[in-house]
Amino acid sequence: MHIKLENLPIIMEAPGTKMHMQDGLGGMAVSYNEMPVLASTPNLLEGLPNDSCPCPHWGYMLKGSMHIRYDNGDEELINAGEVFYFPAGHIGWTEGEVAWLEFSPEKEVKEVMDHVGRKMQEMNR
């Protein structure tokens, strides 16, 4: 199976933000994300284990930088041009525009995205 990046289905859209995702790739989902600023997200992850993302991700940072904090307190900065692996138990935020390509186990990422979608609906009430 193959698909052009620009043809990945949009799963979430807001001003300056687009999240594209395709699952069904051998148990993995691929996503392409563009965001102006991604504030620290514990509020959207609240209610998940440790109020953090329980899904591992592998990817490539195309533009900008992303801070990651792990459940054990360690932090790192991922910059454009770097590949990454985020094990389960992390939160992320940026201070500027970012774009990245990410691969995640489809079952786990679907649970996280469903949770985030519910949280966003609650915030918009």
Protein backbone atom coordinates (compact mmCIF):
# COMPACT_ATOMS: atom_id res chain seq x y z
CA MET A 1 0.00 0.00 0.00
CA HIS A 2 1.16 3.54 -0.67
CA ILE A 3 -0.39 6.99 -0.49
CA LYS A 4 0.83 10.50 -1.26
CA LEU A 5 1.42 12.60 1.84
CA GLU A 6 -1.06 15.25 0.69
CA ASN A 7 -3.74 12.53 0.28
CA LEU A 8 -3.62 11.32 3.89
CA PRO A 9 -7.08 11.86 5.41
CA ILE A 10 -7.42 14.93 7.65
CA ILE A 11 -8.47 13.84 11.15
CA MET A 12 -8.25 17.19 12.93
CA GLU A 13 -8.15 20.76 11.69
CA ALA A 14 -8.02 24.13 13.43
CA PRO A 15 -6.56 27.52 12.45
CA GLY A 16 -2.98 26.84 11.33
CA THR A 17 -3.25 23.18 12.36
CA LYS A 18 -3.77 20.08 10.26
CA MET A 19 -3.39 16.50 11.40
CA HIS A 20 -3.51 13.83 8.71
CA MET A 21 -3.59 10.10 9.51
CA GLN A 22 -3.89 6.80 7.66
CA ASP A 23 -4.09 3.48 9.45
CA GLY A 24 -4.15 -0.06 8.06
CA LEU A 25 -0.44 -0.14 7.30
CA GLY A 26 0.56 -3.45 8.85
CA GLY A 27 -0.84 -2.51 12.27
CA MET A 28 0.70 0.96 12.12
CA ALA A 29 -0.76 4.39 11.43
CA VAL A 30 1.17 7.13 9.66
CA SER A 31 0.43 10.77 10.36
CA TYR A 32 1.61 14.09 9.02
CA ASN A 33 1.09 17.03 11.37
CA GLU A 34 1.48 20.79 10.90
CA MET A 35 0.94 23.17 13.82
CA PRO A 36 1.72 26.84 14.51
CA VAL A 37 2.40 26.35 18.24
CA LEU A 38 1.63 23.24 20.27
CA ALA A 39 1.24 24.35 23.86
CA SER A 40 1.94 21.81 26.57
CA THR A 41 -0.85 19.26 26.24
CA PRO A 42 -1.40 17.67 29.67
CA ASN A 43 -4.96 19.06 29.73
CA LEU A 44 -5.85 17.14 26.55
CA LEU A 45 -4.19 14.01 27.88
CA GLU A 46 -5.73 14.24 31.34
CA GLY A 47 -7.49 11.00 32.14
CA LEU A 48 -4.99 8.83 30.24
CA PRO A 49 -2.41 6.87 32.26
CA ASN A 50 -0.18 9.41 34.09
CA ASP A 51 -2.04 12.15 32.16
CA SER A 52 0.41 11.56 29.30
CA CYS A 53 0.43 9.85 25.92
CA PRO A 54 0.48 6.06 26.36
CA CYS A 55 1.33 5.43 22.69
CA PRO A 56 4.87 5.09 21.31
CA HIS A 57 5.77 7.07 18.19
CA TRP A 58 8.58 6.93 15.62
CA GLY A 59 9.08 9.77 13.22
CA TYR A 60 10.96 12.56 11.52
CA MET A 61 10.82 16.25 12.43
CA LEU A 62 10.45 18.21 9.19
CA LYS A 63 10.20 21.76 10.54
CA GLY A 64 10.77 23.47 13.88
CA SER A 65 11.45 21.87 17.25
CA MET A 66 9.41 19.93 19.80
CA HIS A 67 10.06 19.54 23.52
CA ILE A 68 9.23 16.14 25.01
CA ARG A 69 8.89 15.34 28.71
CA TYR A 70 8.72 11.70 29.75
CA ASP A 71 6.89 10.29 32.76
CA ASN A 72 10.25 9.76 34.53
CA GLY A 73 10.94 13.54 34.30
CA ASP A 74 13.55 13.39 31.53
CA GLU A 75 13.22 16.01 28.79
CA GLU A 76 14.63 16.36 25.31
CA LEU A 77 14.35 18.68 22.32
CA ILE A 78 13.73 17.23 18.86
CA ASN A 79 14.83 19.50 15.99
CA ALA A 80 14.08 19.63 12.26
CA GLY A 81 16.13 17.04 10.40
CA GLU A 82 16.12 14.53 13.28
CA VAL A 83 14.44 11.15 13.51
CA PHE A 84 12.83 10.33 16.85
CA TYR A 85 11.33 7.65 19.04
CA PHE A 86 8.98 8.62 21.86
CA PRO A 87 8.20 5.66 24.13
CA ALA A 88 4.80 5.49 25.84
CA GLY A 89 4.47 8.02 28.66
CA HIS A 90 5.27 11.47 27.28
CA ILE A 91 3.89 14.95 26.64
CA GLY A 92 5.07 17.40 24.00
CA TRP A 93 5.00 21.13 23.29
CA THR A 94 6.58 23.62 20.91
CA GLU A 95 7.41 27.30 20.91
CA GLY A 96 6.88 27.82 17.21
CA GLU A 97 5.69 26.32 13.95
CA VAL A 98 6.31 22.60 13.51
CA ALA A 99 5.71 19.83 11.00
CA TRP A 100 6.52 16.17 11.47
CA LEU A 101 5.90 12.71 10.05
CA GLU A 102 5.02 10.04 12.61
CA PHE A 103 4.41 6.28 12.74
CA SER A 104 2.42 4.77 15.63
CA PRO A 105 0.70 1.50 16.51
CA GLU A 106 -2.81 2.03 15.13
CA LYS A 107 -4.79 0.65 18.09
CA GLU A 108 -2.97 2.78 20.68
CA VAL A 109 -2.93 5.98 18.61
CA LYS A 110 -6.65 5.63 17.85
CA GLU A 111 -7.39 5.44 21.59
CA VAL A 112 -5.32 8.58 22.21
CA MET A 113 -6.89 10.52 19.32
CA ASP A 114 -10.40 9.50 20.41
CA HIS A 115 -9.59 10.76 23.93
CA VAL A 116 -8.14 14.04 22.62
CA GLY A 117 -11.19 14.52 20.38
CA ARG A 118 -13.52 14.14 23.38
CA LYS A 119 -11.42 16.61 25.40
CA MET A 120 -11.52 19.15 22.58
CA GLN A 121 -15.30 18.81 22.35
CA GLU A 122 -15.57 19.43 26.12
CA MET A 123 -13.37 22.54 25.81
CA ASN A 124 -15.54 23.91 22.99
CA ARG A 125 -18.78 23.66 24.98
